[in-house]
Amino acid sequence: MPVDLAAYRIIQESLTNAIRHAGPATATVSLTYSDADLLIEVADNGRGAPANASGGASATTGGGHGLVGMRERAAAAGGTMRAGSTPGGGYLVSARLPVSDQAESQLL
């Protein structure tokens, strides 16, 4: 269950960020399951992060805590999360969360 909630919230925050910061854009959500993990990718074709953004707590304008929160959720579920501008414009959030029985039992 913690992995399910983390996945939901990461997708929710990624789409919220796209709405707030990408400008006129399209966002795509991709989920790829394997026996070991779930790969989440949320990509938009908007304006990407500001040139001075470091990819840290406020890689988008507004200084919110969305990226930090997504990283913390991924880590709490035993996974990882990355985010940043893509070549040619746009922004990509990518998270990998464990789904194996062993990872689930460690979270309980």
N, C-alpha and C. Protein backbone atom coordinates (compact mmCIF):
# COMPACT_ATOMS: atom_id res chain seq x y z
N MET A 1 0.80 -1.20 0.00
CA MET A 1 0.00 0.00 0.00
C MET A 1 0.85 1.27 0.00
N PRO A 2 1.98 1.35 0.73
CA PRO A 2 2.78 2.58 0.69
C PRO A 2 3.29 2.91 -0.71
N VAL A 3 3.62 1.89 -1.50
CA VAL A 3 4.09 2.13 -2.86
C VAL A 3 2.95 2.68 -3.71
N ASP A 4 1.74 2.15 -3.53
CA ASP A 4 0.58 2.64 -4.29
C ASP A 4 0.34 4.12 -4.01
N LEU A 5 0.38 4.49 -2.74
CA LEU A 5 0.14 5.88 -2.36
C LEU A 5 1.25 6.78 -2.88
N ALA A 6 2.49 6.33 -2.75
CA ALA A 6 3.62 7.12 -3.26
C ALA A 6 3.47 7.34 -4.76
N ALA A 7 3.11 6.30 -5.50
CA ALA A 7 2.95 6.42 -6.95
C ALA A 7 1.85 7.42 -7.28
N TYR A 8 0.73 7.29 -6.62
CA TYR A 8 -0.40 8.21 -6.85
C TYR A 8 0.01 9.66 -6.61
N ARG A 9 0.64 9.92 -5.47
CA ARG A 9 1.02 11.29 -5.12
C ARG A 9 2.10 11.86 -6.03
N ILE A 10 3.04 11.03 -6.47
CA ILE A 10 4.07 11.50 -7.39
C ILE A 10 3.43 11.90 -8.72
N ILE A 11 2.52 11.08 -9.22
CA ILE A 11 1.83 11.42 -10.46
C ILE A 11 1.00 12.68 -10.28
N GLN A 12 0.28 12.76 -9.19
CA GLN A 12 -0.57 13.93 -8.91
C GLN A 12 0.26 15.21 -8.87
N GLU A 13 1.36 15.21 -8.16
CA GLU A 13 2.20 16.40 -8.03
C GLU A 13 2.86 16.74 -9.36
N SER A 14 3.28 15.73 -10.11
CA SER A 14 3.89 15.98 -11.42
C SER A 14 2.92 16.67 -12.36
N LEU A 15 1.69 16.20 -12.38
CA LEU A 15 0.68 16.82 -13.25
C LEU A 15 0.32 18.22 -12.76
N THR A 16 0.26 18.40 -11.45
CA THR A 16 0.00 19.73 -10.89
C THR A 16 1.11 20.69 -11.31
N ASN A 17 2.36 20.25 -11.23
CA ASN A 17 3.48 21.10 -11.65
C ASN A 17 3.40 21.43 -13.14
N ALA A 18 3.01 20.46 -13.95
CA ALA A 18 2.89 20.72 -15.39
C ALA A 18 1.82 21.78 -15.64
N ILE A 19 0.70 21.69 -14.96
CA ILE A 19 -0.36 22.68 -15.12
C ILE A 19 0.13 24.06 -14.70
N ARG A 20 0.84 24.13 -13.60
CA ARG A 20 1.28 25.41 -13.05
C ARG A 20 2.43 26.05 -13.80
N HIS A 21 3.36 25.23 -14.31
CA HIS A 21 4.63 25.77 -14.77
C HIS A 21 4.97 25.54 -16.23
N ALA A 22 4.33 24.60 -16.90
CA ALA A 22 4.76 24.25 -18.26
C ALA A 22 4.24 25.21 -19.32
N GLY A 23 3.24 26.02 -18.98
CA GLY A 23 2.62 26.85 -20.01
C GLY A 23 1.72 25.97 -20.85
N PRO A 24 1.40 26.43 -22.05
CA PRO A 24 0.57 25.59 -22.93
C PRO A 24 1.36 24.32 -23.28
N ALA A 25 0.91 23.19 -22.80
CA ALA A 25 1.68 21.96 -22.99
C ALA A 25 0.76 20.75 -22.89
N THR A 26 1.31 19.63 -23.29
CA THR A 26 0.67 18.33 -23.13
C THR A 26 1.53 17.52 -22.19
N ALA A 27 0.89 16.77 -21.29
CA ALA A 27 1.63 15.89 -20.38
C ALA A 27 1.24 14.45 -20.66
N THR A 28 2.21 13.57 -20.52
CA THR A 28 2.01 12.14 -20.72
C THR A 28 2.46 11.39 -19.47
N VAL A 29 1.63 10.47 -19.01
CA VAL A 29 1.97 9.63 -17.86
C VAL A 29 2.22 8.22 -18.37
N SER A 30 3.36 7.66 -17.99
CA SER A 30 3.73 6.31 -18.41
C SER A 30 4.05 5.49 -17.18
N LEU A 31 3.45 4.30 -17.08
CA LEU A 31 3.73 3.37 -15.99
C LEU A 31 4.26 2.08 -16.59
N THR A 32 5.40 1.62 -16.10
CA THR A 32 5.99 0.38 -16.57
C THR A 32 6.24 -0.52 -15.37
N TYR A 33 5.57 -1.67 -15.35
CA TYR A 33 5.71 -2.62 -14.24
C TYR A 33 6.67 -3.73 -14.61
N SER A 34 7.42 -4.18 -13.62
CA SER A 34 8.21 -5.40 -13.74
C SER A 34 8.01 -6.18 -12.45
N ASP A 35 8.64 -7.33 -12.34
CA ASP A 35 8.52 -8.11 -11.10
C ASP A 35 9.12 -7.37 -9.92
N ALA A 36 10.09 -6.52 -10.17
CA ALA A 36 10.82 -5.86 -9.10
C ALA A 36 10.36 -4.44 -8.80
N ASP A 37 9.91 -3.71 -9.83
CA ASP A 37 9.62 -2.30 -9.58
C ASP A 37 8.58 -1.72 -10.53
N LEU A 38 8.20 -0.52 -10.20
CA LEU A 38 7.28 0.28 -11.00
C LEU A 38 8.04 1.52 -11.43
N LEU A 39 8.10 1.76 -12.72
CA LEU A 39 8.72 2.97 -13.25
C LEU A 39 7.61 3.93 -13.64
N ILE A 40 7.65 5.13 -13.08
CA ILE A 40 6.69 6.18 -13.38
C ILE A 40 7.43 7.27 -14.14
N GLU A 41 6.87 7.69 -15.27
CA GLU A 41 7.41 8.83 -16.00
C GLU A 41 6.27 9.77 -16.33
N VAL A 42 6.43 11.02 -15.96
CA VAL A 42 5.48 12.07 -16.31
C VAL A 42 6.28 13.11 -17.08
N ALA A 43 5.95 13.24 -18.36
CA ALA A 43 6.69 14.16 -19.24
C ALA A 43 5.73 15.18 -19.80
N ASP A 44 6.21 16.42 -19.89
CA ASP A 44 5.42 17.44 -20.59
C ASP A 44 6.29 18.06 -21.68
N ASN A 45 5.64 18.70 -22.61
CA ASN A 45 6.37 19.35 -23.71
C ASN A 45 6.33 20.87 -23.56
N GLY A 46 6.28 21.33 -22.32
CA GLY A 46 6.24 22.75 -22.02
C GLY A 46 7.60 23.41 -22.04
N ARG A 47 7.72 24.47 -21.26
CA ARG A 47 8.93 25.29 -21.31
C ARG A 47 10.09 24.77 -20.48
N GLY A 48 9.92 23.70 -19.71
CA GLY A 48 11.02 23.18 -18.90
C GLY A 48 11.28 24.04 -17.69
N ALA A 49 12.35 23.73 -16.98
CA ALA A 49 12.72 24.49 -15.78
C ALA A 49 13.42 25.77 -16.18
N PRO A 50 13.35 26.80 -15.33
CA PRO A 50 14.08 28.04 -15.61
C PRO A 50 15.58 27.76 -15.73
N ALA A 51 16.27 28.58 -16.50
CA ALA A 51 17.70 28.37 -16.75
C ALA A 51 18.53 28.35 -15.48
N ASN A 52 18.11 29.05 -14.45
CA ASN A 52 18.90 29.10 -13.22
C ASN A 52 18.50 28.04 -12.21
N ALA A 53 17.59 27.15 -12.59
CA ALA A 53 17.15 26.12 -11.65
C ALA A 53 18.20 25.02 -11.55
N SER A 54 18.41 24.56 -10.33
CA SER A 54 19.41 23.53 -10.10
C SER A 54 18.82 22.15 -9.98
N GLY A 55 17.49 22.04 -10.05
CA GLY A 55 16.86 20.74 -9.88
C GLY A 55 16.65 20.42 -8.42
N GLY A 56 16.87 21.37 -7.54
CA GLY A 56 16.71 21.15 -6.11
C GLY A 56 15.29 21.40 -5.66
N ALA A 57 15.14 22.04 -4.53
CA ALA A 57 13.83 22.21 -3.93
C ALA A 57 12.90 23.03 -4.78
N SER A 58 13.41 23.96 -5.53
CA SER A 58 12.52 24.80 -6.33
C SER A 58 13.02 24.92 -7.76
N ALA A 59 13.00 23.82 -8.46
CA ALA A 59 13.46 23.83 -9.84
C ALA A 59 12.45 24.50 -10.75
N THR A 60 11.28 24.79 -10.23
CA THR A 60 10.30 25.54 -10.97
C THR A 60 10.04 26.82 -10.21
N THR A 61 9.46 27.79 -10.87
CA THR A 61 9.22 29.06 -10.21
C THR A 61 8.21 28.88 -9.09
N GLY A 62 8.24 29.73 -8.11
CA GLY A 62 7.30 29.68 -7.01
C GLY A 62 7.90 29.16 -5.72
N GLY A 63 9.02 28.45 -5.78
CA GLY A 63 9.71 28.02 -4.57
C GLY A 63 8.94 27.02 -3.73
N GLY A 64 8.08 26.21 -4.34
CA GLY A 64 7.30 25.24 -3.59
C GLY A 64 8.13 24.06 -3.14
N HIS A 65 7.46 23.10 -2.55
CA HIS A 65 8.14 21.92 -2.01
C HIS A 65 7.76 20.65 -2.76
N GLY A 66 7.17 20.79 -3.95
CA GLY A 66 6.67 19.65 -4.71
C GLY A 66 7.73 18.64 -5.05
N LEU A 67 8.87 19.07 -5.59
CA LEU A 67 9.93 18.13 -5.98
C LEU A 67 10.54 17.46 -4.76
N VAL A 68 10.75 18.22 -3.72
CA VAL A 68 11.29 17.64 -2.48
C VAL A 68 10.33 16.60 -1.94
N GLY A 69 9.05 16.94 -1.92
CA GLY A 69 8.04 16.00 -1.42
C GLY A 69 7.99 14.72 -2.23
N MET A 70 8.10 14.85 -3.57
CA MET A 70 8.09 13.65 -4.41
C MET A 70 9.31 12.78 -4.13
N ARG A 71 10.47 13.41 -3.97
CA ARG A 71 11.69 12.64 -3.66
C ARG A 71 11.55 11.94 -2.31
N GLU A 72 10.98 12.63 -1.33
CA GLU A 72 10.80 12.03 -0.01
C GLU A 72 9.82 10.87 -0.06
N ARG A 73 8.75 11.01 -0.82
CA ARG A 73 7.77 9.92 -0.95
C ARG A 73 8.42 8.70 -1.61
N ALA A 74 9.17 8.94 -2.67
CA ALA A 74 9.85 7.83 -3.36
C ALA A 74 10.83 7.14 -2.41
N ALA A 75 11.62 7.92 -1.69
CA ALA A 75 12.60 7.35 -0.76
C ALA A 75 11.92 6.57 0.37
N ALA A 76 10.81 7.09 0.89
CA ALA A 76 10.09 6.41 1.96
C ALA A 76 9.54 5.06 1.51
N ALA A 77 9.26 4.93 0.21
CA ALA A 77 8.77 3.67 -0.34
C ALA A 77 9.92 2.78 -0.81
N GLY A 78 11.17 3.22 -0.59
CA GLY A 78 12.33 2.44 -0.98
C GLY A 78 12.78 2.68 -2.40
N GLY A 79 12.31 3.77 -3.01
CA GLY A 79 12.63 4.04 -4.40
C GLY A 79 13.44 5.30 -4.60
N THR A 80 13.48 5.75 -5.84
CA THR A 80 14.22 6.94 -6.22
C THR A 80 13.36 7.80 -7.14
N MET A 81 13.71 9.06 -7.26
CA MET A 81 12.99 9.99 -8.12
C MET A 81 13.96 11.01 -8.68
N ARG A 82 13.81 11.33 -9.98
CA ARG A 82 14.60 12.38 -10.63
C ARG A 82 13.65 13.29 -11.38
N ALA A 83 14.07 14.52 -11.57
CA ALA A 83 13.25 15.47 -12.33
C ALA A 83 14.16 16.49 -12.99
N GLY A 84 13.77 16.95 -14.16
CA GLY A 84 14.54 17.99 -14.83
C GLY A 84 14.06 18.24 -16.23
N SER A 85 14.60 19.30 -16.81
CA SER A 85 14.28 19.67 -18.18
C SER A 85 14.81 18.60 -19.13
N THR A 86 14.14 18.47 -20.26
CA THR A 86 14.55 17.51 -21.27
C THR A 86 15.16 18.24 -22.46
N PRO A 87 16.04 17.58 -23.21
CA PRO A 87 16.61 18.22 -24.40
C PRO A 87 15.50 18.64 -25.36
N GLY A 88 15.58 19.82 -25.85
CA GLY A 88 14.57 20.32 -26.78
C GLY A 88 13.34 20.91 -26.12
N GLY A 89 13.36 21.04 -24.80
CA GLY A 89 12.23 21.61 -24.08
C GLY A 89 11.41 20.55 -23.39
N GLY A 90 10.63 20.97 -22.45
CA GLY A 90 9.82 20.05 -21.68
C GLY A 90 10.47 19.69 -20.35
N TYR A 91 9.76 18.86 -19.60
CA TYR A 91 10.20 18.49 -18.26
C TYR A 91 9.82 17.04 -18.03
N LEU A 92 10.66 16.29 -17.34
CA LEU A 92 10.42 14.88 -17.07
C LEU A 92 10.60 14.59 -15.59
N VAL A 93 9.61 13.94 -15.01
CA VAL A 93 9.71 13.39 -13.67
C VAL A 93 9.74 11.88 -13.84
N SER A 94 10.74 11.25 -13.26
CA SER A 94 10.91 9.80 -13.36
C SER A 94 11.12 9.23 -11.96
N ALA A 95 10.29 8.26 -11.59
CA ALA A 95 10.41 7.63 -10.27
C ALA A 95 10.42 6.12 -10.45
N ARG A 96 11.24 5.46 -9.66
CA ARG A 96 11.30 3.99 -9.66
C ARG A 96 10.99 3.54 -8.23
N LEU A 97 9.91 2.76 -8.10
CA LEU A 97 9.46 2.29 -6.78
C LEU A 97 9.46 0.77 -6.76
N PRO A 98 9.95 0.16 -5.67
CA PRO A 98 9.97 -1.30 -5.59
C PRO A 98 8.56 -1.85 -5.39
N VAL A 99 8.28 -2.98 -6.03
CA VAL A 99 6.97 -3.62 -5.86
C VAL A 99 7.10 -5.07 -5.42
N SER A 100 8.29 -5.54 -5.18
CA SER A 100 8.49 -6.93 -4.77
C SER A 100 7.89 -7.14 -3.38
N ASP A 101 7.53 -8.39 -3.08
CA ASP A 101 6.98 -8.73 -1.77
C ASP A 101 7.96 -8.38 -0.66
N GLN A 102 9.26 -8.56 -0.92
CA GLN A 102 10.27 -8.27 0.08
C GLN A 102 10.28 -6.77 0.41
N ALA A 103 10.23 -5.91 -0.61
CA ALA A 103 10.22 -4.47 -0.38
C ALA A 103 8.97 -4.05 0.36
N GLU A 104 7.81 -4.65 0.01
CA GLU A 104 6.56 -4.32 0.70
C GLU A 104 6.65 -4.68 2.17
N SER A 105 7.21 -5.86 2.50
CA SER A 105 7.27 -6.27 3.89
C SER A 105 8.21 -5.40 4.71
N GLN A 106 9.24 -4.84 4.08
CA GLN A 106 10.16 -3.95 4.79
C GLN A 106 9.50 -2.62 5.13
N LEU A 107 8.48 -2.23 4.37
CA LEU A 107 7.82 -0.95 4.59
C LEU A 107 6.80 -1.03 5.72
N LEU A 108 6.35 -2.22 6.07
CA LEU A 108 5.30 -2.35 7.09
C LEU A 108 5.83 -2.31 8.48
